[in-house]
Protein backbone atom coordinates (compact mmCIF):
# COMPACT_ATOMS: atom_id res chain seq x y z
CA MET A 1 10.18 -53.47 -10.68
CA ASP A 2 6.69 -54.34 -11.18
CA ILE A 3 4.57 -52.35 -8.64
CA SER A 4 0.99 -53.38 -10.27
CA PHE A 5 0.27 -56.15 -7.45
CA TYR A 6 0.16 -53.54 -4.69
CA PHE A 7 -2.84 -51.77 -6.11
CA GLU A 8 -6.33 -52.39 -6.67
CA PRO A 9 -8.82 -50.41 -8.81
CA ALA A 10 -10.19 -47.07 -7.67
CA GLN A 11 -13.91 -46.54 -7.59
CA THR A 12 -15.37 -43.20 -9.03
CA LYS A 13 -18.41 -41.58 -9.94
CA PHE A 14 -16.72 -39.50 -12.56
CA SER A 15 -18.53 -39.63 -15.92
CA TYR A 16 -16.30 -39.69 -18.82
CA ALA A 17 -16.89 -37.57 -22.08
CA VAL A 18 -18.77 -39.13 -24.40
CA ASN A 19 -18.72 -36.31 -27.17
CA GLU A 20 -15.20 -35.85 -29.09
CA ASN A 21 -15.60 -31.97 -29.03
CA GLU A 22 -16.76 -31.81 -25.24
CA PRO A 23 -14.11 -30.03 -23.35
CA LYS A 24 -11.87 -32.72 -21.55
CA LYS A 25 -11.62 -32.78 -17.65
CA ILE A 26 -8.60 -34.27 -15.79
CA GLY A 27 -10.56 -37.41 -15.53
CA ASP A 28 -10.90 -37.64 -19.09
CA ILE A 29 -6.99 -37.21 -19.73
CA ILE A 30 -5.05 -38.89 -17.01
CA ARG A 31 -3.97 -42.52 -17.16
CA ASN A 32 -6.23 -44.31 -14.20
CA TYR A 33 -6.40 -47.65 -12.83
CA TYR A 34 -10.30 -48.12 -12.92
CA ARG A 35 -10.68 -51.80 -14.31
CA LYS A 36 -8.82 -55.25 -12.85
CA ASP A 37 -5.97 -56.06 -15.26
CA PHE A 38 -5.56 -52.44 -17.08
CA PHE A 39 -2.88 -51.07 -14.81
CA PRO A 40 -1.65 -47.92 -16.28
CA SER A 41 1.56 -47.53 -17.91
CA LEU A 42 4.19 -45.31 -16.45
CA ASP A 43 5.95 -44.42 -19.48
CA ASN A 44 6.51 -40.80 -19.97
CA ILE A 45 4.66 -39.94 -16.58
CA ASP A 46 5.53 -37.27 -14.20
CA LEU A 47 2.96 -37.58 -11.37
CA ALA A 48 1.50 -40.52 -10.04
CA ILE A 49 -1.67 -40.49 -7.60
CA ILE A 50 -1.55 -43.24 -4.91
CA GLY A 51 -4.58 -43.79 -2.70
CA VAL A 52 -4.31 -45.58 0.61
CA LYS A 53 -7.32 -46.78 2.56
CA GLU A 54 -5.74 -46.97 5.93
CA ASP A 55 -6.90 -45.67 9.20
CA ARG A 56 -6.05 -48.15 11.96
CA TYR A 57 -3.67 -46.26 13.25
CA THR A 58 -5.07 -42.70 13.05
CA TYR A 59 -6.03 -40.61 16.07
CA ASP A 60 -9.89 -40.25 16.93
CA ASN A 61 -10.49 -39.96 13.24
CA LYS A 62 -11.69 -43.40 11.96
CA GLY A 63 -13.34 -43.28 8.50
CA CYS A 64 -10.76 -41.44 6.82
CA GLN A 65 -9.83 -44.85 5.03
CA ASP A 66 -12.79 -43.92 2.85
CA GLY A 67 -11.47 -40.43 1.67
CA PRO A 68 -9.18 -41.38 -1.54
CA ASP A 69 -12.18 -42.13 -4.06
CA VAL A 70 -14.33 -39.25 -2.80
CA ILE A 71 -11.20 -36.56 -3.29
CA ARG A 72 -10.99 -38.32 -7.02
CA ASP A 73 -14.77 -37.66 -7.69
CA TYR A 74 -13.70 -33.99 -7.26
CA PHE A 75 -10.28 -33.83 -8.81
CA TYR A 76 -11.31 -35.94 -11.92
CA ASN A 77 -14.16 -33.13 -12.66
CA LEU A 78 -11.50 -30.04 -12.58
CA PHE A 79 -9.93 -28.78 -15.87
CA PRO A 80 -6.26 -28.93 -16.66
CA GLY A 81 -4.08 -26.08 -16.74
CA CYS A 82 -2.03 -24.74 -19.61
CA TYR A 83 0.49 -27.82 -19.96
CA ASP A 84 0.76 -31.28 -21.24
CA VAL A 85 -0.93 -33.72 -18.58
CA ARG A 86 1.15 -36.65 -17.91
CA ILE A 87 -0.27 -38.04 -14.89
CA ALA A 88 -1.15 -41.72 -13.66
CA ASP A 89 -3.90 -42.51 -10.98
CA LEU A 90 -2.46 -45.73 -9.78
CA GLY A 91 -5.62 -46.82 -7.60
CA ASN A 92 -5.54 -47.95 -4.32
CA ILE A 93 -2.77 -49.38 -2.24
CA ILE A 94 -4.18 -53.02 -1.16
CA CYS A 95 -4.06 -52.74 2.73
CA GLY A 96 -2.33 -55.49 4.63
CA ASP A 97 -3.37 -57.82 7.17
CA THR A 98 -1.53 -55.54 9.47
CA VAL A 99 -0.68 -51.89 9.27
CA ASN A 100 3.25 -52.42 8.70
CA ASP A 101 2.09 -54.48 6.05
CA THR A 102 0.72 -51.12 4.39
CA TYR A 103 3.66 -49.15 5.13
CA PHE A 104 5.78 -51.63 3.46
CA ALA A 105 3.72 -51.53 0.31
CA LEU A 106 3.49 -47.88 0.13
CA SER A 107 7.46 -47.34 0.96
CA ASN A 108 8.20 -49.65 -2.02
CA VAL A 109 5.98 -48.23 -4.56
CA VAL A 110 7.20 -44.53 -3.69
CA ALA A 111 10.92 -45.46 -3.58
CA GLU A 112 10.21 -47.29 -7.14
CA LEU A 113 8.19 -44.16 -8.41
CA ILE A 114 10.93 -41.91 -7.04
CA LYS A 115 13.45 -43.48 -8.55
CA ASN A 116 11.88 -43.41 -12.01
CA ASN A 117 11.71 -39.54 -11.44
CA ILE A 118 7.87 -39.83 -10.88
CA ILE A 119 6.69 -37.70 -8.17
CA PRO A 120 3.94 -39.50 -5.93
CA ILE A 121 0.87 -37.70 -4.57
CA ILE A 122 -0.45 -39.55 -1.84
CA ILE A 123 -3.99 -39.46 -0.74
CA GLY A 124 -4.46 -41.15 2.62
CA GLY A 125 -5.54 -42.26 5.45
CA GLY A 126 -4.10 -40.99 8.48
CA GLN A 127 -1.09 -38.82 8.81
CA ASP A 128 0.67 -41.85 10.12
CA LEU A 129 1.46 -42.86 6.49
CA THR A 130 4.05 -40.05 6.35
CA TYR A 131 6.38 -42.63 8.10
CA ALA A 132 5.92 -45.02 5.28
CA ASN A 133 6.84 -41.99 2.96
CA TYR A 134 9.83 -41.56 4.99
CA LYS A 135 10.98 -45.09 4.66
CA ALA A 136 10.91 -45.05 0.98
CA TYR A 137 14.00 -42.54 1.15
CA GLU A 138 15.80 -44.92 3.27
CA ILE A 139 15.23 -47.59 0.67
CA LEU A 140 16.98 -44.93 -1.99
CA GLY A 141 19.65 -44.22 0.57
CA GLN A 142 18.92 -40.60 0.46
CA ILE A 143 18.99 -38.00 3.27
CA ILE A 144 16.08 -35.55 2.87
CA ASN A 145 14.15 -32.60 4.78
CA ILE A 146 10.78 -33.07 5.77
CA VAL A 147 8.24 -30.44 5.77
CA SER A 148 4.74 -30.80 7.65
CA VAL A 149 1.83 -28.49 7.30
CA ASP A 150 0.25 -29.24 10.93
CA ALA A 151 -1.17 -27.51 13.80
CA THR A 152 0.62 -29.93 15.93
CA PHE A 153 4.01 -31.63 15.97
CA ASP A 154 2.87 -35.03 16.20
CA LEU A 155 5.56 -36.08 18.71
CA GLY A 156 2.90 -38.23 20.90
CA GLN A 157 4.75 -40.65 23.27
CA TYR A 158 7.14 -43.00 21.68
CA ASN A 159 6.11 -46.54 22.96
CA ASN A 160 8.25 -49.25 21.93
CA GLY A 161 7.95 -48.02 18.35
CA GLU A 162 4.14 -48.10 18.31
CA ILE A 163 3.00 -45.62 15.99
CA THR A 164 -0.24 -43.37 15.52
CA SER A 165 -1.02 -40.28 13.61
CA LYS A 166 -0.42 -38.25 16.48
CA SER A 167 3.19 -39.84 17.16
CA PHE A 168 4.67 -40.52 13.85
CA LEU A 169 7.17 -37.86 14.08
CA ASN A 170 8.75 -39.57 16.83
CA ASN A 171 9.03 -42.93 15.29
CA ILE A 172 10.80 -40.80 12.34
CA ILE A 173 13.35 -39.36 14.83
CA MET A 174 13.94 -42.61 16.56
CA HIS A 175 14.02 -44.75 13.34
CA GLN A 176 17.65 -46.22 12.63
CA PRO A 177 19.59 -45.73 10.39
CA SER A 178 18.29 -42.36 10.13
CA CYS A 179 18.01 -40.47 6.68
CA LEU A 180 16.53 -37.06 8.12
CA PHE A 181 18.50 -33.95 7.89
CA ASN A 182 15.78 -31.49 8.87
CA TYR A 183 12.24 -31.21 10.00
CA THR A 184 9.78 -28.22 9.57
CA ASN A 185 6.58 -27.55 11.04
CA VAL A 186 4.33 -24.85 9.20
CA GLY A 187 1.50 -23.51 10.75
CA TYR A 188 1.51 -24.99 14.68
CA GLN A 189 -1.01 -23.54 16.99
CA THR A 190 0.76 -22.80 20.04
CA TYR A 191 -2.03 -23.77 22.48
CA LEU A 192 -2.02 -27.13 21.08
CA VAL A 193 1.36 -27.74 21.74
CA ASP A 194 3.24 -27.87 25.01
CA GLN A 195 6.29 -25.71 26.04
CA GLN A 196 8.53 -28.99 26.44
CA ALA A 197 7.52 -30.08 22.76
CA VAL A 198 8.74 -26.61 21.69
CA ASP A 199 11.99 -26.89 23.54
CA LEU A 200 13.03 -30.21 21.90
CA MET A 201 12.48 -29.01 18.53
CA ASP A 202 14.71 -26.13 19.12
CA LYS A 203 17.53 -28.51 20.79
CA LEU A 204 17.10 -30.86 17.61
CA LEU A 205 17.62 -27.73 15.54
CA PHE A 206 14.10 -28.49 13.72
CA ASP A 207 12.27 -25.36 12.33
CA THR A 208 8.99 -24.46 13.70
CA TYR A 209 6.27 -21.54 12.48
CA ARG A 210 3.60 -20.60 14.17
CA LEU A 211 0.16 -20.20 12.61
CA GLY A 212 0.02 -16.37 13.10
CA VAL A 213 3.67 -15.76 11.95
CA VAL A 214 3.19 -17.58 8.97
CA ARG A 215 0.01 -15.95 7.91
CA GLU A 216 1.60 -12.44 8.00
CA ASP A 217 3.42 -12.99 5.06
CA MET A 218 2.40 -16.04 2.90
CA GLU A 219 5.13 -15.33 0.77
CA GLU A 220 8.05 -16.11 3.20
CA VAL A 221 6.39 -19.92 3.19
CA GLU A 222 7.94 -20.48 -0.07
CA PRO A 223 11.68 -21.02 0.80
CA ILE A 224 10.50 -23.01 3.67
CA VAL A 225 8.74 -25.31 1.26
CA ARG A 226 11.46 -25.07 -1.60
CA ASN A 227 13.93 -26.87 0.81
CA ALA A 228 11.49 -29.93 1.50
CA ASP A 229 12.31 -33.35 -0.32
CA MET A 230 8.97 -34.55 1.03
CA LEU A 231 5.80 -32.66 2.35
CA SER A 232 3.07 -33.92 4.57
CA PHE A 233 -0.34 -32.09 4.77
CA ASP A 234 -2.95 -32.71 7.84
CA ILE A 235 -6.02 -31.63 6.50
CA SER A 236 -6.87 -30.53 10.05
CA ALA A 237 -4.15 -27.47 9.53
CA ILE A 238 -7.05 -25.89 7.48
CA ARG A 239 -9.97 -24.57 9.74
CA ILE A 240 -13.00 -26.16 10.11
CA SER A 241 -15.23 -23.53 8.24
CA ASP A 242 -12.89 -24.23 5.10
CA ALA A 243 -12.53 -28.21 5.91
CA PRO A 244 -14.87 -29.72 8.10
CA GLY A 245 -13.97 -33.07 6.97
CA ASN A 246 -11.86 -34.23 9.91
CA ASN A 247 -12.83 -35.26 13.37
CA ASN A 248 -10.05 -33.15 14.83
CA ALA A 249 -10.92 -30.09 12.78
CA LEU A 250 -9.93 -26.72 14.42
CA PRO A 251 -11.91 -23.36 14.52
CA ASN A 252 -8.51 -21.53 13.40
CA GLY A 253 -5.93 -22.69 10.83
CA PHE A 254 -5.12 -21.91 7.12
CA TYR A 255 -7.83 -20.62 4.94
CA GLY A 256 -8.47 -22.75 1.87
CA GLU A 257 -6.61 -20.43 -0.70
CA GLU A 258 -3.53 -20.54 1.83
CA ALA A 259 -3.53 -24.20 1.43
CA CYS A 260 -3.66 -23.74 -2.24
CA GLN A 261 -0.62 -21.36 -2.19
CA ILE A 262 1.15 -23.50 0.10
CA ALA A 263 0.50 -26.62 -2.37
CA ARG A 264 1.67 -24.62 -5.42
CA TYR A 265 5.03 -23.38 -3.76
CA ALA A 266 5.40 -27.36 -3.10
CA GLY A 267 4.98 -27.93 -6.93
CA ILE A 268 7.23 -25.37 -8.06
CA SER A 269 10.38 -26.44 -5.93
CA ASP A 270 12.69 -28.63 -7.82
CA LYS A 271 13.66 -30.41 -4.88
CA LEU A 272 10.23 -31.89 -3.62
CA THR A 273 9.79 -35.52 -4.69
CA SER A 274 7.00 -36.38 -2.95
CA ILE A 275 3.71 -35.21 -1.46
CA GLY A 276 0.99 -36.77 0.71
CA PHE A 277 -2.48 -35.52 1.93
CA TYR A 278 -4.07 -36.87 4.87
CA GLU A 279 -6.76 -37.23 7.36
CA TYR A 280 -9.63 -36.38 5.09
CA ASN A 281 -12.85 -37.82 6.56
CA PRO A 282 -15.99 -37.98 4.55
CA THR A 283 -18.00 -38.78 7.42
CA PHE A 284 -17.76 -35.26 8.57
CA ASP A 285 -17.59 -33.76 5.43
CA VAL A 286 -20.52 -31.06 5.07
CA ARG A 287 -21.66 -31.26 1.57
CA LEU A 288 -18.25 -32.61 0.92
CA GLN A 289 -16.83 -29.34 1.00
CA THR A 290 -13.37 -30.52 1.84
CA ALA A 291 -12.89 -33.21 -0.76
CA SER A 292 -13.50 -30.25 -3.30
CA LEU A 293 -10.85 -28.19 -1.69
CA ILE A 294 -8.49 -31.01 -1.40
CA SER A 295 -8.92 -31.73 -5.22
CA GLN A 296 -8.30 -27.98 -5.77
CA ILE A 297 -5.27 -28.19 -3.64
CA ILE A 298 -3.85 -31.17 -5.75
CA TRP A 299 -4.44 -28.85 -8.80
CA TYR A 300 -2.50 -26.20 -7.42
CA PHE A 301 0.43 -28.58 -6.71
CA ILE A 302 0.39 -29.85 -10.13
CA GLU A 303 0.14 -26.32 -11.78
CA GLY A 304 3.26 -25.28 -9.68
CA PHE A 305 4.85 -28.55 -10.61
CA TYR A 306 4.46 -27.79 -14.45
CA SER A 307 5.63 -24.48 -13.67
CA ARG A 308 9.31 -25.44 -12.36
CA LYS A 309 12.27 -23.38 -13.64
CA LYS A 310 14.69 -26.04 -13.00
CA ASP A 311 16.83 -23.87 -11.23
CA PHE A 312 18.27 -25.55 -8.28
CA PRO A 313 21.82 -24.20 -7.83
CA HIS A 314 23.94 -27.01 -7.73
CA LEU A 315 22.97 -28.08 -11.32
CA HIS A 316 23.32 -24.95 -13.23
CA LYS A 317 25.32 -22.10 -11.39
CA GLU A 318 26.04 -20.14 -14.34
CA ASP A 319 22.52 -19.29 -14.07
CA PHE A 320 23.02 -17.34 -10.73
CA ILE A 321 24.29 -13.96 -9.66
CA VAL A 322 26.50 -14.37 -6.72
CA TYR A 323 26.47 -11.99 -3.97
CA ARG A 324 29.01 -11.88 -0.93
CA VAL A 325 27.96 -10.44 2.33
CA SER A 326 30.93 -10.07 5.00
CA SER A 327 30.29 -9.20 8.45
CA GLU A 328 32.30 -7.71 11.18
CA LYS A 329 30.56 -9.83 13.70
CA SER A 330 31.16 -13.25 12.04
CA GLU A 331 34.12 -14.80 10.45
CA ASN A 332 31.91 -16.25 8.10
CA GLU A 333 31.27 -14.73 4.66
CA ILE A 334 27.80 -15.21 3.60
CA ILE A 335 27.33 -16.13 0.10
CA PHE A 336 23.88 -15.53 -1.57
CA LEU A 337 22.80 -16.86 -5.06
CA LYS A 338 19.89 -15.16 -7.03
CA SER A 339 18.50 -17.33 -9.78
CA LYS A 340 18.44 -15.31 -13.26
CA LYS A 341 15.16 -17.56 -14.25
CA SER A 342 13.13 -17.28 -11.27
CA ASN A 343 14.56 -14.44 -9.02
CA ARG A 344 14.50 -16.73 -6.28
CA TRP A 345 17.20 -16.78 -3.69
CA TRP A 346 19.63 -19.27 -1.86
CA MET A 347 22.58 -19.13 0.80
CA GLU A 348 25.40 -21.32 0.23
CA LEU A 349 26.60 -22.55 3.53
CA PRO A 350 30.46 -23.54 4.40
CA CYS A 351 30.50 -27.49 4.27
CA PRO A 352 33.30 -29.48 5.32
CA VAL A 353 35.05 -31.04 1.89
CA GLU A 354 34.46 -34.81 3.08
CA SER A 355 30.59 -33.99 3.47
CA LEU A 356 30.13 -32.49 0.24
CA ALA A 357 28.79 -35.48 -1.47
CA LYS A 358 26.65 -36.59 1.42
CA TYR A 359 24.94 -33.24 2.02
CA GLN A 360 24.76 -32.01 -1.94
CA ARG A 361 21.39 -31.29 -1.40
CA HIS A 362 21.25 -29.29 1.73
CA TYR A 363 24.36 -26.94 2.10
CA LEU A 364 22.39 -24.64 -0.48
CA VAL A 365 19.61 -23.33 1.65
CA PRO A 366 16.35 -21.46 0.20
CA CYS A 367 15.85 -18.16 1.49
CA SER A 368 14.41 -14.92 0.52
CA TYR A 369 15.60 -11.41 -0.40
CA ARG A 370 14.25 -10.51 3.14
CA ASP A 371 17.38 -12.94 4.51
CA TYR A 372 19.81 -10.85 2.34
CA GLU A 373 18.82 -7.50 3.68
CA SER A 374 19.33 -8.72 7.12
CA ALA A 375 22.81 -9.97 6.15
CA LEU A 376 23.48 -6.18 4.83
CA LYS A 377 22.48 -5.16 8.22
CA GLU A 378 24.85 -7.60 9.92
CA GLU A 379 22.29 -9.62 11.02
CA MET A 380 23.12 -13.20 10.63
CA PRO A 381 20.01 -14.87 8.91
CA ASP A 382 18.47 -17.64 11.25
CA ARG A 383 18.09 -19.81 8.48
CA TRP A 384 21.84 -19.82 7.84
CA TRP A 385 23.00 -20.23 11.71
CA GLN A 386 20.48 -23.16 12.10
CA PHE A 387 21.77 -25.17 8.96
CA TYR A 388 25.39 -24.31 9.52
CA GLN A 389 24.85 -26.03 13.08
CA LYS A 390 23.95 -29.15 11.16
CA LEU A 391 26.62 -29.31 8.60
CA MET A 392 29.36 -28.72 11.06
């Protein structure tokens, strides 16, 4: 499928290298759509940047439509890491007459890229674009896990299908046919979320992790993110001192380096196939500090991607050490798998034979050594129990 008609060229201020011996920056190396009728070839491409200048449904953050090209100005000026850069910048999605038209374009583009083993990196726009990203997986017929880095749950109020950047999760939950297996929020701030929303997330068997709990041990974020097929990052989850470029920025949140760490975890996950960074608004960005930070977060995601070990358990089980833990408190034996390549851990959940094909990507749950230690102490890991209920 030709996706070029969905795009318009990006407008950046990047100055290309003129001297052949001059060190090459990312902007000099990647294939980019900067001139009409010169859409980049997607042959031998691993990652594709997509700008979406859409903010009509954003909540109290008008102006974030202007974010994508500003982020590019900083991203292009970074130097690549020690890997062969196979990245294309496809420019900006042409916004439709209605927001739903824009969603349709983004969903089709993302689906086509994933189908061709290219990971889309979406730079928005409002976080309601997460809904369009999700619908791409409906097109592909794939059941997925979503991880959202956000200070709130974005449940909002479901009003006859109307959507905003603060209610898109409701639209995802209510959407039929559903292709959502699990949703995880990383970094919510308790005083911004009412208890009814917390209870609803528990009832739906979704995972929620408070900001303070996550920041106590950032390494425990890795298995959480490793379970995601798509990740949605609301820039307002980063504290205002590090990322002022958002009208809903907060005094508390992740530090900039922690956001980079989360992005790298997402990059090294063999399971993740799309990622989006939303709600950046240059109107409020002091000295364009946030644009610079987002460019570095994207850099860390790419660096993580090129460090992938390709050790997802259902692909090559001979590359794993198997540990079996029995418990007197439960009739279920817990099977742990430890990768010989990366030393990462997974739990293998019992799954009905008739559901194995459907849940092939979900009955192997990423975990940490801490979960293995808990099982040895006769403590059923929370991750195991929560996903077990979903499969049964």
